[in-house]
N, C-alpha and C. Protein backbone atom coordinates (compact mmCIF):
# COMPACT_ATOMS: atom_id res chain seq x y z
N MET A 1 26.97 93.99 138.55
CA MET A 1 26.23 95.13 139.06
C MET A 1 25.69 95.95 137.90
N THR A 2 24.42 96.30 137.93
CA THR A 2 23.79 97.10 136.90
C THR A 2 23.57 98.51 137.42
N THR A 3 23.93 99.50 136.61
CA THR A 3 23.76 100.89 136.98
C THR A 3 22.75 101.53 136.05
N PHE A 4 21.79 102.26 136.62
CA PHE A 4 20.79 102.96 135.83
C PHE A 4 21.02 104.46 135.97
N THR A 5 20.75 105.18 134.90
CA THR A 5 20.77 106.63 134.98
C THR A 5 19.34 107.12 134.75
N ASP A 6 18.92 108.07 135.53
CA ASP A 6 17.56 108.58 135.36
C ASP A 6 17.55 109.95 134.71
N SER A 7 18.71 110.41 134.19
CA SER A 7 18.81 111.68 133.50
C SER A 7 19.88 111.59 132.41
N ILE A 8 19.54 112.09 131.23
CA ILE A 8 20.47 112.04 130.10
C ILE A 8 20.59 113.44 129.53
N GLU A 9 21.81 113.93 129.44
CA GLU A 9 22.06 115.25 128.87
C GLU A 9 22.36 115.10 127.39
N ILE A 10 21.76 115.98 126.57
CA ILE A 10 21.92 115.92 125.13
C ILE A 10 22.35 117.29 124.64
N GLN A 11 23.48 117.34 123.92
CA GLN A 11 23.97 118.58 123.33
C GLN A 11 24.33 118.31 121.88
N VAL A 12 23.67 119.02 120.97
CA VAL A 12 23.90 118.82 119.53
C VAL A 12 23.82 120.16 118.82
N ASP A 13 24.29 120.18 117.57
CA ASP A 13 24.15 121.38 116.75
C ASP A 13 23.54 121.05 115.39
N ASN A 14 22.88 119.89 115.31
CA ASN A 14 22.25 119.45 114.08
C ASN A 14 20.88 118.86 114.40
N ARG A 15 19.83 119.34 113.75
CA ARG A 15 18.45 118.91 114.06
C ARG A 15 18.26 117.41 113.86
N ASP A 16 18.83 116.83 112.80
CA ASP A 16 18.67 115.40 112.56
C ASP A 16 19.30 114.58 113.69
N VAL A 17 20.44 115.00 114.15
CA VAL A 17 21.11 114.32 115.26
C VAL A 17 20.30 114.50 116.54
N LEU A 18 19.73 115.68 116.73
CA LEU A 18 18.91 115.94 117.91
C LEU A 18 17.74 114.96 117.99
N ASP A 19 17.01 114.82 116.90
CA ASP A 19 15.87 113.90 116.90
C ASP A 19 16.31 112.48 117.23
N GLU A 20 17.40 112.05 116.66
CA GLU A 20 17.92 110.70 116.92
C GLU A 20 18.31 110.52 118.39
N ARG A 21 19.02 111.49 118.94
CA ARG A 21 19.46 111.39 120.34
C ARG A 21 18.30 111.47 121.31
N LEU A 22 17.32 112.35 121.03
CA LEU A 22 16.14 112.43 121.90
C LEU A 22 15.37 111.11 121.87
N ASN A 23 15.19 110.55 120.68
CA ASN A 23 14.48 109.27 120.57
C ASN A 23 15.22 108.17 121.32
N ASP A 24 16.54 108.11 121.19
CA ASP A 24 17.33 107.11 121.91
C ASP A 24 17.19 107.29 123.42
N ALA A 25 17.24 108.54 123.88
CA ALA A 25 17.13 108.81 125.31
C ALA A 25 15.76 108.40 125.84
N VAL A 26 14.72 108.73 125.10
CA VAL A 26 13.36 108.38 125.54
C VAL A 26 13.20 106.86 125.59
N ARG A 27 13.69 106.16 124.58
CA ARG A 27 13.58 104.69 124.58
C ARG A 27 14.29 104.10 125.80
N GLY A 28 15.48 104.58 126.11
CA GLY A 28 16.21 104.08 127.27
C GLY A 28 15.49 104.38 128.57
N LEU A 29 14.96 105.59 128.70
CA LEU A 29 14.24 105.96 129.91
C LEU A 29 12.91 105.21 130.03
N GLN A 30 12.29 104.90 128.90
CA GLN A 30 11.05 104.12 128.94
C GLN A 30 11.31 102.75 129.55
N GLN A 31 12.43 102.14 129.19
CA GLN A 31 12.77 100.83 129.75
C GLN A 31 12.95 100.93 131.26
N LEU A 32 13.63 101.97 131.72
CA LEU A 32 13.83 102.17 133.15
C LEU A 32 12.50 102.48 133.84
N ALA A 33 11.67 103.28 133.21
CA ALA A 33 10.36 103.62 133.79
C ALA A 33 9.50 102.38 133.96
N MET A 34 9.62 101.42 133.07
CA MET A 34 8.84 100.19 133.18
C MET A 34 9.23 99.41 134.44
N ILE A 35 10.46 99.53 134.86
CA ILE A 35 10.92 98.84 136.06
C ILE A 35 10.30 99.48 137.31
N THR A 36 10.32 100.82 137.35
CA THR A 36 9.79 101.50 138.53
C THR A 36 8.27 101.61 138.50
N GLY A 37 7.72 101.85 137.32
CA GLY A 37 6.28 101.98 137.18
C GLY A 37 5.68 103.21 137.86
N THR A 38 6.51 104.19 138.18
CA THR A 38 6.02 105.35 138.92
C THR A 38 6.34 106.70 138.30
N HIS A 39 7.22 106.74 137.32
CA HIS A 39 7.68 108.01 136.76
C HIS A 39 7.41 108.08 135.26
N GLY A 40 7.15 109.30 134.80
CA GLY A 40 7.09 109.57 133.38
C GLY A 40 8.41 110.19 132.94
N ILE A 41 8.44 110.69 131.73
CA ILE A 41 9.67 111.26 131.17
C ILE A 41 9.45 112.74 130.90
N LEU A 42 10.41 113.54 131.33
CA LEU A 42 10.37 114.98 131.11
C LEU A 42 11.56 115.36 130.24
N ILE A 43 11.28 115.99 129.10
CA ILE A 43 12.32 116.52 128.22
C ILE A 43 12.38 118.02 128.47
N THR A 44 13.54 118.53 128.88
CA THR A 44 13.69 119.96 129.15
C THR A 44 14.65 120.57 128.14
N ARG A 45 14.18 121.61 127.47
CA ARG A 45 15.04 122.36 126.54
C ARG A 45 15.62 123.53 127.32
N HIS A 46 16.92 123.53 127.50
CA HIS A 46 17.59 124.59 128.25
C HIS A 46 17.95 125.77 127.35
N ARG A 47 18.34 125.45 126.13
CA ARG A 47 18.65 126.43 125.08
C ARG A 47 18.75 125.63 123.78
N PRO A 48 18.81 126.29 122.65
CA PRO A 48 18.87 125.54 121.39
C PRO A 48 20.03 124.51 121.40
N GLY A 49 19.67 123.27 121.12
CA GLY A 49 20.68 122.22 121.05
C GLY A 49 21.08 121.61 122.38
N HIS A 50 20.54 122.09 123.48
CA HIS A 50 20.90 121.56 124.80
C HIS A 50 19.62 121.14 125.55
N TYR A 51 19.51 119.83 125.75
CA TYR A 51 18.32 119.23 126.36
C TYR A 51 18.73 118.28 127.48
N THR A 52 17.78 118.03 128.36
CA THR A 52 17.91 116.97 129.36
C THR A 52 16.66 116.11 129.26
N ALA A 53 16.86 114.80 129.21
CA ALA A 53 15.76 113.84 129.26
C ALA A 53 15.89 113.12 130.60
N ALA A 54 14.80 113.10 131.37
CA ALA A 54 14.89 112.54 132.72
C ALA A 54 13.58 111.90 133.15
N LEU A 55 13.69 110.92 134.03
CA LEU A 55 12.51 110.40 134.69
C LEU A 55 12.05 111.46 135.69
N SER A 56 10.73 111.62 135.79
CA SER A 56 10.20 112.65 136.69
C SER A 56 8.94 112.16 137.38
N ASP A 57 8.87 112.40 138.68
CA ASP A 57 7.65 112.07 139.41
C ASP A 57 6.57 113.12 139.19
N GLN A 58 6.89 114.19 138.47
CA GLN A 58 5.92 115.23 138.11
C GLN A 58 5.18 114.90 136.82
N VAL A 59 5.62 113.83 136.13
CA VAL A 59 4.98 113.38 134.90
C VAL A 59 4.40 112.00 135.18
N PRO A 60 3.13 111.80 134.85
CA PRO A 60 2.52 110.50 135.11
C PRO A 60 3.22 109.36 134.36
N PHE A 61 3.27 108.21 134.98
CA PHE A 61 3.85 107.02 134.36
C PHE A 61 3.19 106.80 133.00
N GLY A 62 4.01 106.52 131.99
CA GLY A 62 3.51 106.26 130.65
C GLY A 62 3.41 107.50 129.77
N MET A 63 3.74 108.67 130.34
CA MET A 63 3.65 109.93 129.59
C MET A 63 5.05 110.51 129.39
N THR A 64 5.19 111.31 128.31
CA THR A 64 6.39 112.09 128.06
C THR A 64 5.95 113.52 127.85
N ARG A 65 6.58 114.45 128.55
CA ARG A 65 6.25 115.87 128.42
C ARG A 65 7.51 116.66 128.13
N GLU A 66 7.32 117.84 127.51
CA GLU A 66 8.43 118.73 127.19
C GLU A 66 8.29 120.03 127.95
N LEU A 67 9.40 120.51 128.46
CA LEU A 67 9.45 121.79 129.17
C LEU A 67 10.50 122.64 128.48
N ILE A 68 10.14 123.86 128.14
CA ILE A 68 11.09 124.78 127.49
C ILE A 68 11.44 125.86 128.49
N HIS A 69 12.71 125.94 128.81
CA HIS A 69 13.18 126.98 129.75
C HIS A 69 13.44 128.25 129.04
């Protein structure tokens, strides 16, 4: 059985680690998005060092957008 996650929470306190984790999350979500072919990726900054990367039907397939709360 294969399980997919469509949302990844990222919490860091180092900018270099943040970039690495965001890139990893986007790559993983891109693979999942290719399967569905209907969702883009939304990166939401909740506060410094706390982000969520998720598939979103509000973002066109093939696009990645950032939202700052």
